[in-house]
């Protein structure tokens, strides 16, 4: 049986931390590579949610994200790029909603 209160989330955090420790990519480049990988595997919006905060903190622009999707389109195909675009927008909406909920609960 998996251990801990949130074993899946804890494992994902650990895997990401290990990957970050083993790369010398700057934050923006790393996030661009991850977005390209997420598009390639047709990741869900929830997979993109984990990257919204770090992307904002690193200064990744929407134009850079668009450049990544344009660059990978010939490799991964139009349907995946369209899904990625939709999932990124959905992830952004989920992140904004979560922040609004946190802000509302902080006022109580």
Protein backbone atom coordinates (compact mmCIF):
# COMPACT_ATOMS: atom_id res chain seq x y z
CA UNK A 1 0.00 0.00 0.00
CA UNK A 2 1.26 3.50 -0.84
CA UNK A 3 2.37 5.47 2.19
CA UNK A 4 1.58 9.03 3.25
CA UNK A 5 -1.43 11.32 3.06
CA UNK A 6 -0.97 12.05 -0.65
CA UNK A 7 1.39 9.37 -1.99
CA UNK A 8 0.80 10.09 -5.68
CA UNK A 9 1.29 13.84 -5.33
CA UNK A 10 4.31 13.30 -3.06
CA UNK A 11 5.86 10.99 -5.65
CA UNK A 12 5.29 13.51 -8.44
CA UNK A 13 6.88 16.25 -6.35
CA UNK A 14 9.88 14.01 -5.62
CA UNK A 15 10.31 13.07 -9.30
CA UNK A 16 10.17 16.72 -10.34
CA UNK A 17 12.62 17.76 -7.64
CA UNK A 18 15.10 15.09 -8.76
CA UNK A 19 14.80 16.21 -12.39
CA UNK A 20 15.35 19.85 -11.43
CA UNK A 21 18.49 18.95 -9.48
CA UNK A 22 19.97 17.14 -12.48
CA UNK A 23 19.55 19.82 -15.14
CA UNK A 24 21.42 23.02 -15.85
CA UNK A 25 18.67 24.53 -17.99
CA UNK A 26 17.49 27.97 -16.97
CA UNK A 27 13.93 28.12 -15.65
CA UNK A 28 12.33 29.49 -18.83
CA UNK A 29 14.03 26.92 -21.07
CA UNK A 30 13.12 24.10 -18.69
CA UNK A 31 9.46 25.13 -18.69
CA UNK A 32 9.42 25.44 -22.48
CA UNK A 33 10.82 21.91 -22.76
CA UNK A 34 8.21 20.63 -20.32
CA UNK A 35 5.38 22.31 -22.21
CA UNK A 36 6.65 20.72 -25.42
CA UNK A 37 6.73 17.32 -23.69
CA UNK A 38 3.23 17.78 -22.30
CA UNK A 39 1.95 18.66 -25.76
CA UNK A 40 3.72 15.60 -27.21
CA UNK A 41 2.03 13.20 -24.79
CA UNK A 42 -1.36 14.92 -25.11
CA UNK A 43 -1.39 15.77 -21.40
CA UNK A 44 -4.55 16.84 -19.61
CA UNK A 45 -5.14 20.33 -18.24
CA UNK A 46 -4.27 19.15 -14.74
CA UNK A 47 -0.76 18.31 -15.94
CA UNK A 48 -0.32 21.89 -17.10
CA UNK A 49 -1.64 23.30 -13.81
CA UNK A 50 1.58 22.24 -12.06
CA UNK A 51 3.52 24.52 -14.41
CA UNK A 52 1.42 27.71 -14.23
CA UNK A 53 3.00 29.09 -11.04
CA UNK A 54 6.60 28.27 -11.97
CA UNK A 55 6.04 29.67 -15.49
CA UNK A 56 4.73 32.96 -14.09
CA UNK A 57 7.58 33.16 -11.59
CA UNK A 58 10.18 32.49 -14.30
CA UNK A 59 8.69 35.15 -16.58
CA UNK A 60 7.62 32.75 -19.33
CA UNK A 61 5.40 34.68 -21.72
CA UNK A 62 2.36 33.54 -23.63
CA UNK A 63 4.29 34.34 -26.81
CA UNK A 64 7.00 31.88 -25.78
CA UNK A 65 4.39 29.21 -25.10
CA UNK A 66 2.89 29.87 -28.52
CA UNK A 67 6.38 29.59 -30.07
CA UNK A 68 6.83 26.20 -28.39
CA UNK A 69 3.52 24.94 -29.74
CA UNK A 70 4.32 26.21 -33.24
CA UNK A 71 7.75 24.55 -33.08
CA UNK A 72 6.39 21.14 -32.06
CA UNK A 73 3.34 21.17 -34.35
CA UNK A 74 5.11 19.49 -37.30
CA UNK A 75 6.37 16.74 -34.97
CA UNK A 76 3.38 16.05 -32.72
CA UNK A 77 0.61 17.08 -35.12
CA UNK A 78 -2.16 19.64 -35.22
CA UNK A 79 -4.64 17.72 -33.01
CA UNK A 80 -2.19 17.53 -30.12
CA UNK A 81 -1.21 21.18 -30.47
CA UNK A 82 -4.88 22.19 -30.50
CA UNK A 83 -5.52 20.02 -27.43
CA UNK A 84 -2.47 21.52 -25.73
CA UNK A 85 -3.73 25.04 -26.44
CA UNK A 86 -7.14 24.22 -25.00
CA UNK A 87 -5.63 22.43 -21.99
CA UNK A 88 -3.27 25.33 -21.25
CA UNK A 89 -6.21 27.75 -21.26
CA UNK A 90 -8.20 25.39 -19.05
CA UNK A 91 -5.24 25.02 -16.68
CA UNK A 92 -4.90 28.79 -16.46
CA UNK A 93 -8.61 29.04 -15.62
CA UNK A 94 -8.27 26.36 -12.95
CA UNK A 95 -5.27 28.16 -11.44
CA UNK A 96 -7.13 31.49 -11.39
CA UNK A 97 -10.19 29.86 -9.81
CA UNK A 98 -8.01 28.23 -7.16
CA UNK A 99 -6.37 31.57 -6.34
CA UNK A 100 -9.76 33.24 -6.08
CA UNK A 101 -10.97 30.49 -3.74
CA UNK A 102 -7.89 30.89 -1.57
CA UNK A 103 -8.39 34.66 -1.52
CA UNK A 104 -12.07 34.28 -0.61
CA UNK A 105 -11.29 31.80 2.16
CA UNK A 106 -8.57 34.10 3.53
CA UNK A 107 -11.17 36.83 4.00
CA UNK A 108 -13.29 34.61 6.27
